Amino acid sequence: MKEIELATATKSTLGKKPKQQVTIKIDADTITYFKKLSQRSGIPYQSLINLYLTDCATNKKELYMVWK
C-alpha cells in the first residue's frame, strides 16, 4: 500500500475505494483520540479511523493480547 502523509492528504488520496457503511461501538476515549487527531490533521475522524484500519488489514497486523 502506498504510504500517505496525513498532513498533506486530500479527499482524492483518501477516498479511492467505495465505502460500506457499518455500525460499530467504539469506546468514547478512542473516539476522542481520533477527533483530536482530526483537529490537528484536518482530516475527518472517520477517515482517520478508516486509514488506520486499512493499514492494519493491508499489513495483516494481528492483535496480540495477554489476559491476566
C-alpha atoms as a PDB file:
ATOM      1  CA  MET A   1       0.000   0.000   0.000  1.00  0.00           C
ATOM      2  CA  LYS A   2       1.208   3.473  -0.847  1.00  0.00           C
ATOM      3  CA  GLU A   3       2.149   5.473   2.247  1.00  0.00           C
ATOM      4  CA  ILE A   4       0.066   8.642   2.707  1.00  0.00           C
ATOM      5  CA  GLU A   5       1.347  11.719   4.524  1.00  0.00           C
ATOM      6  CA  LEU A   6      -1.653  12.676   6.663  1.00  0.00           C
ATOM      7  CA  ALA A   7      -0.674  16.343   6.866  1.00  0.00           C
ATOM      8  CA  THR A   8      -0.953  16.733   3.090  1.00  0.00           C
ATOM      9  CA  ALA A   9      -3.676  14.165   2.339  1.00  0.00           C
ATOM     10  CA  THR A  10      -6.611  15.223   0.190  1.00  0.00           C
ATOM     11  CA  LYS A  11     -10.004  13.697  -0.484  1.00  0.00           C
ATOM     12  CA  SER A  12      -8.619  12.209  -3.692  1.00  0.00           C
ATOM     13  CA  THR A  13      -5.827  10.425  -1.792  1.00  0.00           C
ATOM     14  CA  LEU A  14      -8.115   9.232   0.993  1.00  0.00           C
ATOM     15  CA  GLY A  15     -11.229   8.089  -0.831  1.00  0.00           C
ATOM     16  CA  LYS A  16     -10.228   5.901  -3.762  1.00  0.00           C
ATOM     17  CA  LYS A  17     -12.241   2.815  -2.794  1.00  0.00           C
ATOM     18  CA  PRO A  18     -16.004   2.572  -2.322  1.00  0.00           C
ATOM     19  CA  LYS A  19     -17.050   2.627   1.308  1.00  0.00           C
ATOM     20  CA  GLN A  20     -19.563   0.433   3.110  1.00  0.00           C
ATOM     21  CA  GLN A  21     -21.484   1.962   5.981  1.00  0.00           C
ATOM     22  CA  VAL A  22     -21.448  -0.108   9.181  1.00  0.00           C
ATOM     23  CA  THR A  23     -22.485   0.392  12.772  1.00  0.00           C
ATOM     24  CA  ILE A  24     -19.766  -0.205  15.330  1.00  0.00           C
ATOM     25  CA  LYS A  25     -19.451   0.579  19.025  1.00  0.00           C
ATOM     26  CA  ILE A  26     -16.167   2.292  19.879  1.00  0.00           C
ATOM     27  CA  ASP A  27     -15.072   3.469  23.333  1.00  0.00           C
ATOM     28  CA  ALA A  28     -15.634   7.187  23.948  1.00  0.00           C
ATOM     29  CA  ASP A  29     -11.931   7.697  24.778  1.00  0.00           C
ATOM     30  CA  THR A  30     -10.956   6.221  21.421  1.00  0.00           C
ATOM     31  CA  ILE A  31     -13.349   8.500  19.552  1.00  0.00           C
ATOM     32  CA  THR A  32     -11.995  11.483  21.493  1.00  0.00           C
ATOM     33  CA  TYR A  33      -8.446  10.494  20.499  1.00  0.00           C
ATOM     34  CA  PHE A  34      -9.335  10.352  16.801  1.00  0.00           C
ATOM     35  CA  LYS A  35     -11.326  13.608  16.985  1.00  0.00           C
ATOM     36  CA  LYS A  36      -8.311  15.418  18.495  1.00  0.00           C
ATOM     37  CA  LEU A  37      -6.080  13.905  15.816  1.00  0.00           C
ATOM     38  CA  SER A  38      -8.651  15.072  13.269  1.00  0.00           C
ATOM     39  CA  GLN A  39      -8.426  18.653  14.523  1.00  0.00           C
ATOM     40  CA  ARG A  40      -4.623  18.621  14.189  1.00  0.00           C
ATOM     41  CA  SER A  41      -4.563  16.965  10.777  1.00  0.00           C
ATOM     42  CA  GLY A  42      -7.684  18.479   9.201  1.00  0.00           C
ATOM     43  CA  ILE A  43      -8.868  15.010   8.164  1.00  0.00           C
ATOM     44  CA  PRO A  44     -12.317  13.828   9.340  1.00  0.00           C
ATOM     45  CA  TYR A  45     -12.026  11.430  12.260  1.00  0.00           C
ATOM     46  CA  GLN A  46     -13.986   8.726  10.423  1.00  0.00           C
ATOM     47  CA  SER A  47     -11.407   8.878   7.624  1.00  0.00           C
ATOM     48  CA  LEU A  48      -8.561   8.601  10.129  1.00  0.00           C
ATOM     49  CA  ILE A  49     -10.137   5.508  11.692  1.00  0.00           C
ATOM     50  CA  ASN A  50     -10.605   4.044   8.214  1.00  0.00           C
ATOM     51  CA  LEU A  51      -6.962   4.797   7.320  1.00  0.00           C
ATOM     52  CA  TYR A  52      -5.759   3.082  10.483  1.00  0.00           C
ATOM     53  CA  LEU A  53      -7.925   0.004   9.953  1.00  0.00           C
ATOM     54  CA  THR A  54      -6.936  -0.146   6.276  1.00  0.00           C
ATOM     55  CA  ASP A  55      -3.261  -0.078   7.286  1.00  0.00           C
ATOM     56  CA  CYS A  56      -3.875  -2.920   9.747  1.00  0.00           C
ATOM     57  CA  ALA A  57      -5.666  -5.020   7.106  1.00  0.00           C
ATOM     58  CA  THR A  58      -3.161  -4.261   4.338  1.00  0.00           C
ATOM     59  CA  ASN A  59      -0.202  -5.148   6.528  1.00  0.00           C
ATOM     60  CA  LYS A  60      -2.017  -8.136   8.053  1.00  0.00           C
ATOM     61  CA  LYS A  61      -1.434  -6.860  11.575  1.00  0.00           C
ATOM     62  CA  GLU A  62      -2.724  -9.200  14.247  1.00  0.00           C
ATOM     63  CA  LEU A  63      -3.771  -8.227  17.729  1.00  0.00           C
ATOM     64  CA  TYR A  64      -1.567  -9.655  20.458  1.00  0.00           C
ATOM     65  CA  MET A  65      -3.188  -9.686  23.879  1.00  0.00           C
ATOM     66  CA  VAL A  66      -2.270 -11.351  27.120  1.00  0.00           C
ATOM     67  CA  TRP A  67      -5.117 -11.663  29.621  1.00  0.00           C
ATOM     68  CA  LYS A  68      -4.148 -11.539  33.292  1.00  0.00           C
END
